[in-house]
Amino acid sequence: MGRPTIQSFAGSLEGYRARKGVLITTSTFTAEAREYITRIEKKIVLIDGKNLAQLMIDHDVGVAAQKTFVLKRIDSDYFETE
């Protein structure tokens, strides 16, 4: 997703007098788009496909557990001698 899309989004925020916005894509943002948001007054958070997938996993949205692993540690009390 490129800078023109980000500019349009920033302009649409103005219509609602919003100072912040979140723009989500399942694709990626160009370097030019990422650089553009650093130069404008409005705070726009960009979430690309990779970040979106990680957020879905972190918050259990649209995902299901496939395998569970048990992590074990040594019980030192078991090996203590009296």
C-alpha atoms as a PDB file:
ATOM      1  CA  MET A   1       0.000   0.000   0.000  1.00  0.00           C
ATOM      2  CA  GLY A   2       1.490   3.309  -1.039  1.00  0.00           C
ATOM      3  CA  ARG A   3       1.664   6.923   0.053  1.00  0.00           C
ATOM      4  CA  PRO A   4      -1.401   8.081  -1.955  1.00  0.00           C
ATOM      5  CA  THR A   5      -3.621   5.711   0.032  1.00  0.00           C
ATOM      6  CA  ILE A   6      -2.164   6.980   3.304  1.00  0.00           C
ATOM      7  CA  GLN A   7      -2.715  10.577   2.187  1.00  0.00           C
ATOM      8  CA  SER A   8      -6.348   9.819   1.349  1.00  0.00           C
ATOM      9  CA  PHE A   9      -6.834   8.177   4.731  1.00  0.00           C
ATOM     10  CA  ALA A  10      -5.269  11.167   6.512  1.00  0.00           C
ATOM     11  CA  GLY A  11      -7.610  13.455   4.582  1.00  0.00           C
ATOM     12  CA  SER A  12     -10.647  11.413   5.559  1.00  0.00           C
ATOM     13  CA  LEU A  13      -9.663  11.753   9.226  1.00  0.00           C
ATOM     14  CA  GLU A  14      -9.948  15.510   8.812  1.00  0.00           C
ATOM     15  CA  GLY A  15     -13.609  15.166   7.845  1.00  0.00           C
ATOM     16  CA  TYR A  16     -14.284  13.675  11.280  1.00  0.00           C
ATOM     17  CA  ARG A  17     -11.884  16.015  13.105  1.00  0.00           C
ATOM     18  CA  ALA A  18      -9.944  12.937  14.150  1.00  0.00           C
ATOM     19  CA  ARG A  19      -6.303  13.250  15.116  1.00  0.00           C
ATOM     20  CA  LYS A  20      -5.555   9.523  15.181  1.00  0.00           C
ATOM     21  CA  GLY A  21      -6.312   6.564  12.974  1.00  0.00           C
ATOM     22  CA  VAL A  22      -5.373   2.953  12.300  1.00  0.00           C
ATOM     23  CA  LEU A  23      -4.914   1.664   8.760  1.00  0.00           C
ATOM     24  CA  ILE A  24      -4.814  -2.109   8.305  1.00  0.00           C
ATOM     25  CA  THR A  25      -3.804  -4.092   5.238  1.00  0.00           C
ATOM     26  CA  THR A  26      -3.213  -7.778   4.651  1.00  0.00           C
ATOM     27  CA  SER A  27      -0.386  -6.711   2.346  1.00  0.00           C
ATOM     28  CA  THR A  28       2.556  -4.398   3.148  1.00  0.00           C
ATOM     29  CA  PHE A  29       3.196  -0.650   3.224  1.00  0.00           C
ATOM     30  CA  THR A  30       5.794   0.951   1.006  1.00  0.00           C
ATOM     31  CA  ALA A  31       8.795   2.718   2.534  1.00  0.00           C
ATOM     32  CA  GLU A  32       7.400   5.973   1.125  1.00  0.00           C
ATOM     33  CA  ALA A  33       4.096   5.394   2.951  1.00  0.00           C
ATOM     34  CA  ARG A  34       5.855   4.662   6.242  1.00  0.00           C
ATOM     35  CA  GLU A  35       8.032   7.736   5.860  1.00  0.00           C
ATOM     36  CA  TYR A  36       5.007   9.926   5.061  1.00  0.00           C
ATOM     37  CA  ILE A  37       3.290   9.250   8.399  1.00  0.00           C
ATOM     38  CA  THR A  38       6.383  10.495  10.233  1.00  0.00           C
ATOM     39  CA  ARG A  39       6.025  13.910   8.555  1.00  0.00           C
ATOM     40  CA  ILE A  40       2.354  14.638   9.236  1.00  0.00           C
ATOM     41  CA  GLU A  41       0.660  15.962  12.342  1.00  0.00           C
ATOM     42  CA  LYS A  42      -1.949  13.190  12.541  1.00  0.00           C
ATOM     43  CA  LYS A  43      -1.026   9.994  14.342  1.00  0.00           C
ATOM     44  CA  ILE A  44      -1.631   7.064  12.006  1.00  0.00           C
ATOM     45  CA  VAL A  45      -0.780   3.517  13.039  1.00  0.00           C
ATOM     46  CA  LEU A  46      -0.013   1.188  10.134  1.00  0.00           C
ATOM     47  CA  ILE A  47      -0.694  -2.521  10.619  1.00  0.00           C
ATOM     48  CA  ASP A  48       0.512  -4.731   7.783  1.00  0.00           C
ATOM     49  CA  GLY A  49      -0.329  -8.364   7.113  1.00  0.00           C
ATOM     50  CA  LYS A  50       2.525  -9.752   9.196  1.00  0.00           C
ATOM     51  CA  ASN A  51       1.635  -7.579  12.220  1.00  0.00           C
ATOM     52  CA  LEU A  52      -2.058  -8.358  11.769  1.00  0.00           C
ATOM     53  CA  ALA A  53      -1.368 -12.103  11.812  1.00  0.00           C
ATOM     54  CA  GLN A  54       0.720 -11.726  14.978  1.00  0.00           C
ATOM     55  CA  LEU A  55      -2.030  -9.685  16.683  1.00  0.00           C
ATOM     56  CA  MET A  56      -4.565 -12.365  15.741  1.00  0.00           C
ATOM     57  CA  ILE A  57      -2.366 -15.052  17.296  1.00  0.00           C
ATOM     58  CA  ASP A  58      -1.629 -12.984  20.416  1.00  0.00           C
ATOM     59  CA  HIS A  59      -5.305 -12.245  21.052  1.00  0.00           C
ATOM     60  CA  ASP A  60      -6.835 -15.550  19.862  1.00  0.00           C
ATOM     61  CA  VAL A  61      -8.841 -13.960  17.064  1.00  0.00           C
ATOM     62  CA  GLY A  62      -9.640 -16.266  14.164  1.00  0.00           C
ATOM     63  CA  VAL A  63      -7.085 -18.863  15.201  1.00  0.00           C
ATOM     64  CA  ALA A  64      -7.257 -22.281  16.841  1.00  0.00           C
ATOM     65  CA  ALA A  65      -4.624 -24.196  18.798  1.00  0.00           C
ATOM     66  CA  GLN A  66      -3.163 -27.029  16.762  1.00  0.00           C
ATOM     67  CA  LYS A  67      -0.651 -28.438  19.246  1.00  0.00           C
ATOM     68  CA  THR A  68       0.221 -27.845  22.869  1.00  0.00           C
ATOM     69  CA  PHE A  69       3.679 -28.410  24.299  1.00  0.00           C
ATOM     70  CA  VAL A  70       4.528 -29.061  27.942  1.00  0.00           C
ATOM     71  CA  LEU A  71       7.728 -27.465  29.188  1.00  0.00           C
ATOM     72  CA  LYS A  72       9.284 -29.410  32.061  1.00  0.00           C
ATOM     73  CA  ARG A  73      11.987 -28.475  34.536  1.00  0.00           C
ATOM     74  CA  ILE A  74      14.085 -30.507  36.943  1.00  0.00           C
ATOM     75  CA  ASP A  75      12.524 -30.848  40.399  1.00  0.00           C
ATOM     76  CA  SER A  76      15.592 -30.367  42.616  1.00  0.00           C
ATOM     77  CA  ASP A  77      13.645 -31.286  45.777  1.00  0.00           C
ATOM     78  CA  TYR A  78      13.248 -34.818  44.399  1.00  0.00           C
ATOM     79  CA  PHE A  79      17.011 -35.302  44.324  1.00  0.00           C
ATOM     80  CA  GLU A  80      17.786 -33.913  47.785  1.00  0.00           C
ATOM     81  CA  THR A  81      19.130 -36.484  50.215  1.00  0.00           C
ATOM     82  CA  GLU A  82      18.207 -36.549  53.859  1.00  0.00           C
END
